[in-house]
Amino acid sequence: MDQRAIGVDELTPAGALERLRGSGREFIELFAHGSLVVEVYRPDGVDRQTPHTRDEVYVVISGSGWFVNGERRHRFEAGQVLFVPAGVEHRFEGFTPDFATWVFFYGPEGGESRARAVA
C-alpha cells in the first residue's frame, strides 16, 4: 500500500483525485482494512485492466460511458454502483474525459459465494 495512505474518514473525491494526479498513475490505493482495499481509478482514454482475483465494487465519481461486465454491456453514469465478481472480464468503454471511479476490492481470493437476494 502507498506509504501515504489516509484514513477512511479523509476520503473525498477531490482529495483522492488530487493524490492520483500527483502519482502520475491511472490508479492508486488509498486505504486498506482487513480484506477491504479502496482505490481511485481514472484511465487515460482506454481501460486496460484485466480480470481481478477478488470481488470488486465501483462507485463512479464522475463521467459516463459504457461498462462491459462479462457478457453484458450497459451505460453508466456518475453516482452509479457497479459490481464485478472475481475473475470476470470487465472494462469501461467510450467514457467521457472526466471519468473517474472509486474501486473497492474485498473478500477472499477467488471471490465470495453467489449473491443473495435482498428483501
Protein backbone atom coordinates (compact mmCIF):
# COMPACT_ATOMS: atom_id res chain seq x y z
CA MET A 1 0.00 0.00 0.00
CA ASP A 2 1.06 3.58 -0.59
CA GLN A 3 3.16 4.84 2.33
CA ARG A 4 0.98 7.95 2.41
CA ALA A 5 -2.33 6.10 2.86
CA ILE A 6 -5.05 8.12 4.51
CA GLY A 7 -7.82 7.30 6.95
CA VAL A 8 -11.23 6.34 5.59
CA ASP A 9 -12.72 9.44 7.22
CA GLU A 10 -10.50 11.56 4.95
CA LEU A 11 -11.56 10.01 1.63
CA THR A 12 -13.18 12.55 -0.66
CA PRO A 13 -13.37 12.58 -4.46
CA ALA A 14 -11.38 15.82 -4.67
CA GLY A 15 -8.68 14.58 -2.29
CA ALA A 16 -8.41 11.19 -3.97
CA LEU A 17 -8.14 12.69 -7.45
CA GLU A 18 -5.52 15.19 -6.27
CA ARG A 19 -3.39 12.34 -4.90
CA LEU A 20 -3.91 10.40 -8.12
CA ARG A 21 -2.75 13.34 -10.24
CA GLY A 22 0.38 13.64 -8.12
CA SER A 23 1.18 9.95 -8.58
CA GLY A 24 1.40 10.02 -12.39
CA ARG A 25 -0.56 6.73 -12.46
CA GLU A 26 -4.09 5.74 -13.53
CA PHE A 27 -4.96 4.25 -10.12
CA ILE A 28 -3.69 4.36 -6.56
CA GLU A 29 -4.55 2.55 -3.35
CA LEU A 30 -5.80 4.95 -0.70
CA PHE A 31 -7.00 2.81 2.21
CA ALA A 32 -6.91 -0.80 3.42
CA HIS A 33 -8.53 -2.57 6.35
CA GLY A 34 -8.89 -6.34 6.66
CA SER A 35 -9.84 -7.61 3.21
CA LEU A 36 -11.07 -4.18 2.06
CA VAL A 37 -8.89 -2.10 -0.26
CA VAL A 38 -10.06 1.29 -1.55
CA GLU A 39 -8.55 2.74 -4.72
CA VAL A 40 -9.32 5.55 -7.10
CA TYR A 41 -9.08 4.85 -10.84
CA ARG A 42 -9.03 7.26 -13.77
CA PRO A 43 -7.96 5.62 -17.05
CA ASP A 44 -6.47 7.80 -19.76
CA GLY A 45 -8.59 7.16 -22.87
CA VAL A 46 -8.51 3.34 -22.74
CA ASP A 47 -9.28 0.96 -19.87
CA ARG A 48 -6.53 -1.68 -19.97
CA GLN A 49 -7.44 -3.63 -16.85
CA THR A 50 -7.64 -7.41 -16.76
CA PRO A 51 -9.82 -9.63 -14.52
CA HIS A 52 -9.05 -9.38 -10.81
CA THR A 53 -8.73 -12.18 -8.28
CA ARG A 54 -11.15 -10.60 -5.77
CA ASP A 55 -14.69 -9.26 -5.96
CA GLU A 56 -14.93 -5.53 -6.58
CA VAL A 57 -17.39 -2.68 -6.46
CA TYR A 58 -17.03 0.53 -8.46
CA VAL A 59 -18.75 3.75 -7.41
CA VAL A 60 -18.50 6.19 -10.30
CA ILE A 61 -17.25 9.59 -9.14
CA SER A 62 -17.67 11.46 -12.42
CA GLY A 63 -18.24 10.92 -16.10
CA SER A 64 -20.27 8.45 -18.10
CA GLY A 65 -19.84 5.83 -20.80
CA TRP A 66 -20.29 2.09 -21.31
CA PHE A 67 -19.42 -0.72 -18.91
CA VAL A 68 -18.68 -4.25 -20.09
CA ASN A 69 -19.18 -6.84 -17.34
CA GLY A 70 -18.74 -10.37 -18.67
CA GLU A 71 -21.29 -10.80 -21.46
CA ARG A 72 -23.25 -7.65 -20.54
CA ARG A 73 -22.65 -4.09 -21.80
CA HIS A 74 -24.61 -1.14 -20.45
CA ARG A 75 -24.38 2.61 -19.91
CA PHE A 76 -23.04 4.03 -16.67
CA GLU A 77 -23.09 7.49 -15.11
CA ALA A 78 -21.78 9.40 -12.10
CA GLY A 79 -23.07 8.04 -8.81
CA GLN A 80 -23.71 4.55 -10.17
CA VAL A 81 -22.60 1.43 -8.29
CA LEU A 82 -21.20 -1.46 -10.37
CA PHE A 83 -20.32 -4.96 -9.09
CA VAL A 84 -17.83 -7.34 -10.72
CA PRO A 85 -17.28 -10.87 -9.39
CA ALA A 86 -13.70 -12.10 -9.13
CA GLY A 87 -12.28 -13.42 -12.39
CA VAL A 88 -14.82 -11.77 -14.71
CA GLU A 89 -13.56 -9.77 -17.69
CA HIS A 90 -14.73 -6.17 -17.45
CA ARG A 91 -13.83 -2.72 -18.71
CA PHE A 92 -15.07 0.80 -19.22
CA GLU A 93 -15.53 1.90 -22.84
CA GLY A 94 -16.41 5.13 -24.61
CA PHE A 95 -16.12 7.09 -21.38
CA THR A 96 -16.02 10.86 -21.10
CA PRO A 97 -12.68 12.60 -20.38
CA ASP A 98 -13.76 13.37 -16.80
CA PHE A 99 -14.42 9.70 -15.93
CA ALA A 100 -13.13 8.62 -12.51
CA THR A 101 -14.30 5.93 -10.10
CA TRP A 102 -13.76 4.56 -6.62
CA VAL A 103 -12.75 0.89 -6.61
CA PHE A 104 -13.46 -1.33 -3.60
CA PHE A 105 -11.79 -4.76 -3.54
CA TYR A 106 -12.90 -7.12 -0.79
CA GLY A 107 -13.20 -10.71 0.29
CA PRO A 108 -11.03 -13.74 -0.35
CA GLU A 109 -9.00 -14.57 -3.45
CA GLY A 110 -11.41 -16.14 -5.93
CA GLY A 111 -14.34 -14.06 -4.63
CA GLU A 112 -17.20 -14.73 -2.28
CA SER A 113 -20.11 -17.09 -2.86
CA ARG A 114 -23.05 -16.19 -5.06
CA ALA A 115 -25.13 -13.08 -4.48
CA ARG A 116 -28.14 -13.43 -2.25
CA ALA A 117 -31.49 -11.77 -2.70
CA VAL A 118 -32.07 -8.64 -0.66
CA ALA A 119 -35.59 -8.01 0.62
